[in-house]
Amino acid sequence: SGHVGISLVILFLMLKYSRKLFWISLVPVL
């Protein structure tokens, strides 16, 4: 699943570079 793979990669990058973006995107990605 590219949807799952890409979304998790970007979510991890958000966690590393922008905690605000990470928390905004966490629930939508789940």
All heavy atoms as atom14 arrays in JSON, in Angstrom:
{
  "sequence": "SGHVGISLVILFLMLKYSRKLFWISLVPVL",
  "atom14_mask": [
    [1, 1, 1, 1, 1, 1, 0, 0, 0, 0, 0, 0, 0, 0],
    [1, 1, 1, 1, 0, 0, 0, 0, 0, 0, 0, 0, 0, 0],
    [1, 1, 1, 1, 1, 1, 1, 1, 1, 1, 0, 0, 0, 0],
    [1, 1, 1, 1, 1, 1, 1, 0, 0, 0, 0, 0, 0, 0],
    [1, 1, 1, 1, 0, 0, 0, 0, 0, 0, 0, 0, 0, 0],
    [1, 1, 1, 1, 1, 1, 1, 1, 0, 0, 0, 0, 0, 0],
    [1, 1, 1, 1, 1, 1, 0, 0, 0, 0, 0, 0, 0, 0],
    [1, 1, 1, 1, 1, 1, 1, 1, 0, 0, 0, 0, 0, 0],
    [1, 1, 1, 1, 1, 1, 1, 0, 0, 0, 0, 0, 0, 0],
    [1, 1, 1, 1, 1, 1, 1, 1, 0, 0, 0, 0, 0, 0],
    [1, 1, 1, 1, 1, 1, 1, 1, 0, 0, 0, 0, 0, 0],
    [1, 1, 1, 1, 1, 1, 1, 1, 1, 1, 1, 0, 0, 0],
    [1, 1, 1, 1, 1, 1, 1, 1, 0, 0, 0, 0, 0, 0],
    [1, 1, 1, 1, 1, 1, 1, 1, 0, 0, 0, 0, 0, 0],
    [1, 1, 1, 1, 1, 1, 1, 1, 0, 0, 0, 0, 0, 0],
    [1, 1, 1, 1, 1, 1, 1, 1, 1, 0, 0, 0, 0, 0],
    [1, 1, 1, 1, 1, 1, 1, 1, 1, 1, 1, 1, 0, 0],
    [1, 1, 1, 1, 1, 1, 0, 0, 0, 0, 0, 0, 0, 0],
    [1, 1, 1, 1, 1, 1, 1, 1, 1, 1, 1, 0, 0, 0],
    [1, 1, 1, 1, 1, 1, 1, 1, 1, 0, 0, 0, 0, 0],
    [1, 1, 1, 1, 1, 1, 1, 1, 0, 0, 0, 0, 0, 0],
    [1, 1, 1, 1, 1, 1, 1, 1, 1, 1, 1, 0, 0, 0],
    [1, 1, 1, 1, 1, 1, 1, 1, 1, 1, 1, 1, 1, 1],
    [1, 1, 1, 1, 1, 1, 1, 1, 0, 0, 0, 0, 0, 0],
    [1, 1, 1, 1, 1, 1, 0, 0, 0, 0, 0, 0, 0, 0],
    [1, 1, 1, 1, 1, 1, 1, 1, 0, 0, 0, 0, 0, 0],
    [1, 1, 1, 1, 1, 1, 1, 0, 0, 0, 0, 0, 0, 0],
    [1, 1, 1, 1, 1, 1, 1, 0, 0, 0, 0, 0, 0, 0],
    [1, 1, 1, 1, 1, 1, 1, 0, 0, 0, 0, 0, 0, 0],
    [1, 1, 1, 1, 1, 1, 1, 1, 0, 0, 0, 0, 0, 0]
  ],
  "atom14_positions": [
    [[0.83, -1.2, 0.0], [0.0, 0.0, 0.0], [0.87, 1.25, 0.0], [1.51, 1.59, 1.0], [-0.92, 0.02, 1.23], [-1.58, 1.26, 1.32], [0.0, 0.0, 0.0], [0.0, 0.0, 0.0], [0.0, 0.0, 0.0], [0.0, 0.0, 0.0], [0.0, 0.0, 0.0], [0.0, 0.0, 0.0], [0.0, 0.0, 0.0], [0.0, 0.0, 0.0]],
    [[0.88, 1.93, -1.15], [1.62, 3.19, -1.23], [1.01, 4.25, -0.33], [1.72, 5.09, 0.22], [0.0, 0.0, 0.0], [0.0, 0.0, 0.0], [0.0, 0.0, 0.0], [0.0, 0.0, 0.0], [0.0, 0.0, 0.0], [0.0, 0.0, 0.0], [0.0, 0.0, 0.0], [0.0, 0.0, 0.0], [0.0, 0.0, 0.0], [0.0, 0.0, 0.0]],
    [[-0.32, 4.22, -0.19], [-0.98, 5.18, 0.69], [-0.44, 5.05, 2.11], [-0.15, 6.06, 2.77], [-2.5, 4.93, 0.7], [-3.23, 5.62, -0.39], [-3.06, 5.31, -1.72], [-4.15, 6.63, -0.36], [-3.84, 6.09, -2.46], [-4.5, 6.91, -1.67], [0.0, 0.0, 0.0], [0.0, 0.0, 0.0], [0.0, 0.0, 0.0], [0.0, 0.0, 0.0]],
    [[-0.31, 3.84, 2.59], [0.19, 3.62, 3.95], [1.67, 3.96, 4.03], [2.11, 4.66, 4.95], [-0.07, 2.17, 4.39], [0.61, 1.88, 5.73], [-1.56, 1.89, 4.49], [0.0, 0.0, 0.0], [0.0, 0.0, 0.0], [0.0, 0.0, 0.0], [0.0, 0.0, 0.0], [0.0, 0.0, 0.0], [0.0, 0.0, 0.0], [0.0, 0.0, 0.0]],
    [[2.45, 3.47, 3.07], [3.9, 3.7, 3.11], [4.26, 5.17, 3.05], [5.0, 5.68, 3.89], [0.0, 0.0, 0.0], [0.0, 0.0, 0.0], [0.0, 0.0, 0.0], [0.0, 0.0, 0.0], [0.0, 0.0, 0.0], [0.0, 0.0, 0.0], [0.0, 0.0, 0.0], [0.0, 0.0, 0.0], [0.0, 0.0, 0.0], [0.0, 0.0, 0.0]],
    [[3.73, 5.88, 2.06], [4.02, 7.3, 1.9], [3.55, 8.1, 3.11], [4.26, 8.98, 3.62], [3.37, 7.85, 0.62], [3.97, 7.2, -0.62], [3.5, 9.37, 0.55], [5.41, 7.54, -0.87], [0.0, 0.0, 0.0], [0.0, 0.0, 0.0], [0.0, 0.0, 0.0], [0.0, 0.0, 0.0], [0.0, 0.0, 0.0], [0.0, 0.0, 0.0]],
    [[2.34, 7.81, 3.58], [1.77, 8.56, 4.72], [2.61, 8.39, 5.97], [2.86, 9.35, 6.71], [0.33, 8.12, 4.98], [-0.48, 8.36, 3.85], [0.0, 0.0, 0.0], [0.0, 0.0, 0.0], [0.0, 0.0, 0.0], [0.0, 0.0, 0.0], [0.0, 0.0, 0.0], [0.0, 0.0, 0.0], [0.0, 0.0, 0.0], [0.0, 0.0, 0.0]],
    [[3.08, 7.16, 6.23], [3.9, 6.92, 7.41], [5.27, 7.57, 7.28], [5.81, 8.09, 8.27], [4.04, 5.41, 7.66], [2.77, 4.71, 8.14], [3.02, 3.21, 8.3], [2.27, 5.3, 9.46], [0.0, 0.0, 0.0], [0.0, 0.0, 0.0], [0.0, 0.0, 0.0], [0.0, 0.0, 0.0], [0.0, 0.0, 0.0], [0.0, 0.0, 0.0]],
    [[5.84, 7.55, 6.1], [7.12, 8.22, 5.88], [7.0, 9.71, 6.17], [7.82, 10.29, 6.89], [7.61, 7.99, 4.43], [8.7, 9.0, 4.06], [8.17, 6.59, 4.28], [0.0, 0.0, 0.0], [0.0, 0.0, 0.0], [0.0, 0.0, 0.0], [0.0, 0.0, 0.0], [0.0, 0.0, 0.0], [0.0, 0.0, 0.0], [0.0, 0.0, 0.0]],
    [[5.97, 10.33, 5.62], [5.79, 11.77, 5.82], [5.45, 12.08, 7.27], [5.93, 13.08, 7.83], [4.69, 12.29, 4.87], [5.18, 12.19, 3.43], [4.33, 13.74, 5.2], [4.15, 12.56, 2.39], [0.0, 0.0, 0.0], [0.0, 0.0, 0.0], [0.0, 0.0, 0.0], [0.0, 0.0, 0.0], [0.0, 0.0, 0.0], [0.0, 0.0, 0.0]],
    [[4.68, 11.22, 7.9], [4.36, 11.43, 9.32], [5.63, 11.37, 10.17], [5.81, 12.19, 11.08], [3.35, 10.37, 9.79], [2.69, 10.62, 11.15], [1.81, 11.86, 11.1], [1.85, 9.4, 11.56], [0.0, 0.0, 0.0], [0.0, 0.0, 0.0], [0.0, 0.0, 0.0], [0.0, 0.0, 0.0], [0.0, 0.0, 0.0], [0.0, 0.0, 0.0]],
    [[6.53, 10.45, 9.86], [7.79, 10.36, 10.6], [8.64, 11.61, 10.36], [9.26, 12.14, 11.29], [8.56, 9.11, 10.17], [9.89, 8.98, 10.87], [9.98, 8.39, 12.12], [11.06, 9.45, 10.27], [11.2, 8.28, 12.77], [12.28, 9.35, 10.92], [12.35, 8.76, 12.16], [0.0, 0.0, 0.0], [0.0, 0.0, 0.0], [0.0, 0.0, 0.0]],
    [[8.69, 12.08, 9.12], [9.46, 13.29, 8.81], [8.87, 14.5, 9.53], [9.6, 15.39, 9.98], [9.49, 13.52, 7.3], [10.27, 12.49, 6.48], [10.04, 12.69, 4.99], [11.75, 12.54, 6.81], [0.0, 0.0, 0.0], [0.0, 0.0, 0.0], [0.0, 0.0, 0.0], [0.0, 0.0, 0.0], [0.0, 0.0, 0.0], [0.0, 0.0, 0.0]],
    [[7.54, 14.55, 9.63], [6.9, 15.63, 10.4], [7.28, 15.55, 11.87], [7.53, 16.57, 12.51], [5.38, 15.53, 10.26], [4.85, 15.96, 8.91], [3.05, 15.73, 8.79], [2.71, 16.52, 7.22], [0.0, 0.0, 0.0], [0.0, 0.0, 0.0], [0.0, 0.0, 0.0], [0.0, 0.0, 0.0], [0.0, 0.0, 0.0], [0.0, 0.0, 0.0]],
    [[7.32, 14.34, 12.41], [7.72, 14.16, 13.81], [9.13, 14.7, 14.03], [9.41, 15.31, 15.07], [7.65, 12.68, 14.17], [8.13, 12.29, 15.57], [7.25, 12.92, 16.65], [8.16, 10.78, 15.73], [0.0, 0.0, 0.0], [0.0, 0.0, 0.0], [0.0, 0.0, 0.0], [0.0, 0.0, 0.0], [0.0, 0.0, 0.0], [0.0, 0.0, 0.0]],
    [[9.99, 14.51, 13.07], [11.38, 14.93, 13.21], [11.56, 16.43, 13.01], [12.36, 17.06, 13.69], [12.26, 14.16, 12.21], [13.74, 14.42, 12.38], [14.55, 13.46, 11.56], [16.04, 13.68, 11.79], [16.44, 13.49, 13.19], [0.0, 0.0, 0.0], [0.0, 0.0, 0.0], [0.0, 0.0, 0.0], [0.0, 0.0, 0.0], [0.0, 0.0, 0.0]],
    [[10.8, 17.01, 12.07], [11.06, 18.39, 11.68], [9.97, 19.39, 12.09], [10.19, 20.58, 12.03], [11.28, 18.47, 10.17], [12.45, 17.63, 9.72], [12.28, 16.59, 8.81], [13.73, 17.86, 10.21], [13.36, 15.81, 8.39], [14.81, 17.09, 9.8], [14.62, 16.07, 8.9], [15.68, 15.3, 8.5], [0.0, 0.0, 0.0], [0.0, 0.0, 0.0]],
    [[8.8, 18.9, 12.46], [7.73, 19.8, 12.9], [6.73, 19.04, 13.76], [5.83, 18.38, 13.24], [7.01, 20.43, 11.69], [5.87, 21.15, 12.11], [0.0, 0.0, 0.0], [0.0, 0.0, 0.0], [0.0, 0.0, 0.0], [0.0, 0.0, 0.0], [0.0, 0.0, 0.0], [0.0, 0.0, 0.0], [0.0, 0.0, 0.0], [0.0, 0.0, 0.0]],
    [[6.89, 19.14, 15.07], [5.97, 18.44, 15.97], [4.54, 18.94, 15.79], [3.58, 18.18, 15.94], [6.41, 18.64, 17.42], [7.71, 17.93, 17.77], [7.56, 16.43, 17.65], [8.79, 15.71, 17.92], [9.17, 15.28, 19.11], [8.4, 15.52, 20.17], [10.3, 14.63, 19.25], [0.0, 0.0, 0.0], [0.0, 0.0, 0.0], [0.0, 0.0, 0.0]],
    [[4.4, 20.22, 15.48], [3.05, 20.77, 15.28], [2.35, 20.09, 14.11], [1.19, 19.68, 14.22], [3.14, 22.28, 15.05], [1.78, 22.96, 14.9], [1.94, 24.46, 14.71], [0.58, 25.13, 14.56], [0.72, 26.61, 14.36], [0.0, 0.0, 0.0], [0.0, 0.0, 0.0], [0.0, 0.0, 0.0], [0.0, 0.0, 0.0], [0.0, 0.0, 0.0]],
    [[3.05, 19.98, 12.98], [2.48, 19.3, 11.82], [2.19, 17.84, 12.13], [1.2, 17.27, 11.67], [3.44, 19.38, 10.63], [3.29, 20.56, 9.67], [4.26, 20.4, 8.51], [1.87, 20.67, 9.15], [0.0, 0.0, 0.0], [0.0, 0.0, 0.0], [0.0, 0.0, 0.0], [0.0, 0.0, 0.0], [0.0, 0.0, 0.0], [0.0, 0.0, 0.0]],
    [[3.07, 17.23, 12.91], [2.89, 15.82, 13.28], [1.58, 15.61, 14.03], [0.79, 14.72, 13.69], [4.07, 15.33, 14.12], [3.85, 13.97, 14.74], [4.02, 12.82, 13.97], [3.45, 13.85, 16.07], [3.81, 11.56, 14.54], [3.25, 12.6, 16.64], [3.43, 11.45, 15.86], [0.0, 0.0, 0.0], [0.0, 0.0, 0.0], [0.0, 0.0, 0.0]],
    [[1.34, 16.43, 15.05], [0.14, 16.25, 15.86], [-1.12, 16.61, 15.08], [-2.18, 16.01, 15.27], [0.23, 17.09, 17.14], [1.24, 16.54, 18.11], [2.39, 17.13, 18.52], [1.19, 15.28, 18.78], [3.08, 16.32, 19.39], [2.35, 15.18, 19.59], [0.28, 14.23, 18.78], [2.61, 14.07, 20.37], [0.54, 13.11, 19.58], [1.69, 13.04, 20.36]],
    [[-1.01, 17.57, 14.16], [-2.15, 17.92, 13.31], [-2.5, 16.75, 12.38], [-3.68, 16.48, 12.12], [-1.84, 19.18, 12.48], [-1.79, 20.42, 13.4], [-2.88, 19.39, 11.38], [-1.34, 21.68, 12.7], [0.0, 0.0, 0.0], [0.0, 0.0, 0.0], [0.0, 0.0, 0.0], [0.0, 0.0, 0.0], [0.0, 0.0, 0.0], [0.0, 0.0, 0.0]],
    [[-1.47, 16.05, 11.89], [-1.67, 15.01, 10.88], [-1.86, 13.62, 11.44], [-2.29, 12.71, 10.71], [-0.47, 15.0, 9.91], [-0.29, 16.26, 9.31], [0.0, 0.0, 0.0], [0.0, 0.0, 0.0], [0.0, 0.0, 0.0], [0.0, 0.0, 0.0], [0.0, 0.0, 0.0], [0.0, 0.0, 0.0], [0.0, 0.0, 0.0], [0.0, 0.0, 0.0]],
    [[-1.55, 13.41, 12.72], [-1.54, 12.06, 13.28], [-2.89, 11.36, 13.15], [-2.98, 10.25, 12.59], [-1.13, 12.1, 14.76], [-1.13, 10.75, 15.48], [-0.17, 9.77, 14.8], [-0.76, 10.94, 16.95], [0.0, 0.0, 0.0], [0.0, 0.0, 0.0], [0.0, 0.0, 0.0], [0.0, 0.0, 0.0], [0.0, 0.0, 0.0], [0.0, 0.0, 0.0]],
    [[-3.96, 11.97, 13.62], [-5.28, 11.33, 13.58], [-5.76, 11.14, 12.14], [-6.23, 10.05, 11.78], [-6.3, 12.13, 14.41], [-7.72, 11.57, 14.22], [-5.93, 12.08, 15.9], [0.0, 0.0, 0.0], [0.0, 0.0, 0.0], [0.0, 0.0, 0.0], [0.0, 0.0, 0.0], [0.0, 0.0, 0.0], [0.0, 0.0, 0.0], [0.0, 0.0, 0.0]],
    [[-5.64, 12.16, 11.27], [-6.03, 11.93, 9.86], [-5.27, 10.79, 9.21], [-5.85, 10.03, 8.42], [-5.71, 13.27, 9.19], [-5.85, 14.28, 10.27], [-5.33, 13.6, 11.5], [0.0, 0.0, 0.0], [0.0, 0.0, 0.0], [0.0, 0.0, 0.0], [0.0, 0.0, 0.0], [0.0, 0.0, 0.0], [0.0, 0.0, 0.0], [0.0, 0.0, 0.0]],
    [[-3.99, 10.63, 9.53], [-3.22, 9.53, 8.93], [-3.7, 8.18, 9.46], [-3.81, 7.2, 8.71], [-1.71, 9.71, 9.18], [-0.94, 8.43, 8.85], [-1.18, 10.87, 8.35], [0.0, 0.0, 0.0], [0.0, 0.0, 0.0], [0.0, 0.0, 0.0], [0.0, 0.0, 0.0], [0.0, 0.0, 0.0], [0.0, 0.0, 0.0], [0.0, 0.0, 0.0]],
    [[-4.02, 8.11, 10.75], [-4.55, 6.87, 11.31], [-5.88, 6.51, 10.65], [-6.12, 5.34, 10.3], [-4.72, 7.0, 12.82], [-3.43, 7.12, 13.64], [-3.74, 7.33, 15.12], [-2.55, 5.89, 13.45], [0.0, 0.0, 0.0], [0.0, 0.0, 0.0], [0.0, 0.0, 0.0], [0.0, 0.0, 0.0], [0.0, 0.0, 0.0], [0.0, 0.0, 0.0]]
  ]
}
